[in-house]
Amino acid sequence: MSGSAAGMLAIWPLLVFLIYLVLLVLGVYCLILFIQLAKRAIKALDLYIQEKSNQD
């Protein structure tokens, strides 16, 4: 095996770890955004229900 091939093999686990880390961070970020969206949806639904119940 040449020196450059051995270097690529040494870098490969680091690259996989960095990809895993990026995906983990993106997953947490998406979870936070989903929670914020759910809170807004619940608030909007509460306002809608309150508005509809006051019209009767």
N, C-alpha and C. Protein backbone atom coordinates (compact mmCIF):
# COMPACT_ATOMS: atom_id res chain seq x y z
N MET A 1 0.84 -1.17 0.00
CA MET A 1 0.00 0.00 0.00
C MET A 1 0.90 1.24 0.00
N SER A 2 0.54 2.23 -0.78
CA SER A 2 1.36 3.43 -0.84
C SER A 2 1.05 4.34 0.35
N GLY A 3 1.86 5.35 0.55
CA GLY A 3 1.70 6.25 1.68
C GLY A 3 0.41 7.05 1.62
N SER A 4 -0.01 7.45 0.43
CA SER A 4 -1.23 8.25 0.32
C SER A 4 -2.47 7.41 0.61
N ALA A 5 -2.45 6.14 0.24
CA ALA A 5 -3.59 5.27 0.53
C ALA A 5 -3.71 5.03 2.03
N ALA A 6 -2.58 4.89 2.70
CA ALA A 6 -2.61 4.71 4.15
C ALA A 6 -3.10 5.97 4.83
N GLY A 7 -2.76 7.12 4.27
CA GLY A 7 -3.24 8.39 4.82
C GLY A 7 -4.74 8.53 4.68
N MET A 8 -5.27 8.10 3.54
CA MET A 8 -6.72 8.16 3.34
C MET A 8 -7.44 7.23 4.31
N LEU A 9 -6.86 6.06 4.55
CA LEU A 9 -7.48 5.14 5.48
C LEU A 9 -7.45 5.69 6.91
N ALA A 10 -6.44 6.47 7.22
CA ALA A 10 -6.36 7.06 8.57
C ALA A 10 -7.37 8.19 8.73
N ILE A 11 -7.68 8.89 7.65
CA ILE A 11 -8.61 10.01 7.71
C ILE A 11 -10.07 9.54 7.70
N TRP A 12 -10.33 8.39 7.15
CA TRP A 12 -11.70 7.90 6.97
C TRP A 12 -12.51 7.85 8.28
N PRO A 13 -12.02 7.32 9.39
CA PRO A 13 -12.83 7.33 10.62
C PRO A 13 -13.14 8.74 11.12
N LEU A 14 -12.22 9.67 10.94
CA LEU A 14 -12.46 11.05 11.33
C LEU A 14 -13.56 11.66 10.48
N LEU A 15 -13.55 11.38 9.20
CA LEU A 15 -14.57 11.89 8.31
C LEU A 15 -15.95 11.32 8.67
N VAL A 16 -16.01 10.05 8.95
CA VAL A 16 -17.28 9.42 9.34
C VAL A 16 -17.78 10.03 10.65
N PHE A 17 -16.88 10.26 11.59
CA PHE A 17 -17.27 10.86 12.87
C PHE A 17 -17.80 12.28 12.67
N LEU A 18 -17.16 13.06 11.80
CA LEU A 18 -17.62 14.42 11.55
C LEU A 18 -19.00 14.43 10.89
N ILE A 19 -19.23 13.51 9.96
CA ILE A 19 -20.54 13.41 9.32
C ILE A 19 -21.59 13.03 10.36
N TYR A 20 -21.26 12.09 11.22
CA TYR A 20 -22.18 11.68 12.27
C TYR A 20 -22.49 12.86 13.20
N LEU A 21 -21.48 13.63 13.55
CA LEU A 21 -21.66 14.78 14.44
C LEU A 21 -22.55 15.84 13.79
N VAL A 22 -22.34 16.10 12.51
CA VAL A 22 -23.16 17.08 11.80
C VAL A 22 -24.61 16.62 11.75
N LEU A 23 -24.83 15.35 11.46
CA LEU A 23 -26.20 14.83 11.42
C LEU A 23 -26.86 14.88 12.79
N LEU A 24 -26.11 14.64 13.83
CA LEU A 24 -26.65 14.72 15.18
C LEU A 24 -27.06 16.15 15.52
N VAL A 25 -26.23 17.11 15.18
CA VAL A 25 -26.55 18.52 15.44
C VAL A 25 -27.77 18.94 14.64
N LEU A 26 -27.84 18.53 13.38
CA LEU A 26 -29.01 18.86 12.56
C LEU A 26 -30.29 18.22 13.11
N GLY A 27 -30.17 17.02 13.63
CA GLY A 27 -31.33 16.36 14.23
C GLY A 27 -31.83 17.10 15.45
N VAL A 28 -30.93 17.56 16.30
CA VAL A 28 -31.33 18.32 17.49
C VAL A 28 -31.95 19.65 17.08
N TYR A 29 -31.37 20.30 16.08
CA TYR A 29 -31.90 21.57 15.60
C TYR A 29 -33.31 21.38 15.04
N CYS A 30 -33.52 20.33 14.25
CA CYS A 30 -34.86 20.05 13.72
C CYS A 30 -35.86 19.74 14.83
N LEU A 31 -35.41 19.05 15.86
CA LEU A 31 -36.28 18.77 17.00
C LEU A 31 -36.70 20.05 17.70
N ILE A 32 -35.76 20.97 17.89
CA ILE A 32 -36.09 22.26 18.52
C ILE A 32 -37.08 23.04 17.66
N LEU A 33 -36.86 23.06 16.35
CA LEU A 33 -37.80 23.76 15.46
C LEU A 33 -39.18 23.13 15.50
N PHE A 34 -39.24 21.81 15.55
CA PHE A 34 -40.54 21.12 15.61
C PHE A 34 -41.27 21.44 16.90
N ILE A 35 -40.54 21.50 18.01
CA ILE A 35 -41.17 21.83 19.29
C ILE A 35 -41.72 23.25 19.26
N GLN A 36 -40.97 24.18 18.70
CA GLN A 36 -41.46 25.56 18.59
C GLN A 36 -42.70 25.62 17.70
N LEU A 37 -42.71 24.88 16.60
CA LEU A 37 -43.87 24.84 15.72
C LEU A 37 -45.08 24.25 16.44
N ALA A 38 -44.87 23.21 17.21
CA ALA A 38 -45.98 22.59 17.94
C ALA A 38 -46.55 23.54 18.98
N LYS A 39 -45.68 24.30 19.66
CA LYS A 39 -46.17 25.27 20.64
C LYS A 39 -47.03 26.34 19.98
N ARG A 40 -46.57 26.83 18.82
CA ARG A 40 -47.35 27.84 18.10
C ARG A 40 -48.68 27.27 17.62
N ALA A 41 -48.67 26.03 17.15
CA ALA A 41 -49.90 25.41 16.67
C ALA A 41 -50.90 25.23 17.81
N ILE A 42 -50.42 24.85 18.98
CA ILE A 42 -51.30 24.68 20.13
C ILE A 42 -51.89 26.03 20.54
N LYS A 43 -51.05 27.07 20.53
CA LYS A 43 -51.53 28.41 20.88
C LYS A 43 -52.58 28.88 19.88
N ALA A 44 -52.33 28.65 18.58
CA ALA A 44 -53.29 29.05 17.55
C ALA A 44 -54.59 28.26 17.68
N LEU A 45 -54.50 26.98 18.00
CA LEU A 45 -55.70 26.17 18.18
C LEU A 45 -56.50 26.64 19.39
N ASP A 46 -55.81 26.98 20.47
CA ASP A 46 -56.50 27.51 21.65
C ASP A 46 -57.24 28.80 21.33
N LEU A 47 -56.59 29.70 20.57
CA LEU A 47 -57.24 30.95 20.18
C LEU A 47 -58.44 30.68 19.28
N TYR A 48 -58.31 29.74 18.37
CA TYR A 48 -59.41 29.40 17.48
C TYR A 48 -60.59 28.83 18.26
N ILE A 49 -60.33 27.95 19.19
CA ILE A 49 -61.40 27.35 19.99
C ILE A 49 -62.08 28.42 20.84
N GLN A 50 -61.26 29.31 21.43
CA GLN A 50 -61.82 30.38 22.26
C GLN A 50 -62.68 31.31 21.42
N GLU A 51 -62.23 31.64 20.22
CA GLU A 51 -62.99 32.52 19.35
C GLU A 51 -64.31 31.87 18.92
N LYS A 52 -64.28 30.60 18.59
CA LYS A 52 -65.49 29.91 18.16
C LYS A 52 -66.48 29.73 19.32
N SER A 53 -65.97 29.54 20.53
CA SER A 53 -66.88 29.33 21.68
C SER A 53 -67.50 30.66 22.11
N ASN A 54 -66.82 31.78 21.87
CA ASN A 54 -67.39 33.08 22.23
C ASN A 54 -68.44 33.54 21.24
N GLN A 55 -68.45 33.04 20.02
CA GLN A 55 -69.42 33.44 19.02
C GLN A 55 -70.80 32.84 19.29
N ASP A 56 -70.84 31.73 19.98
CA ASP A 56 -72.13 31.05 20.23
C ASP A 56 -72.95 31.77 21.25
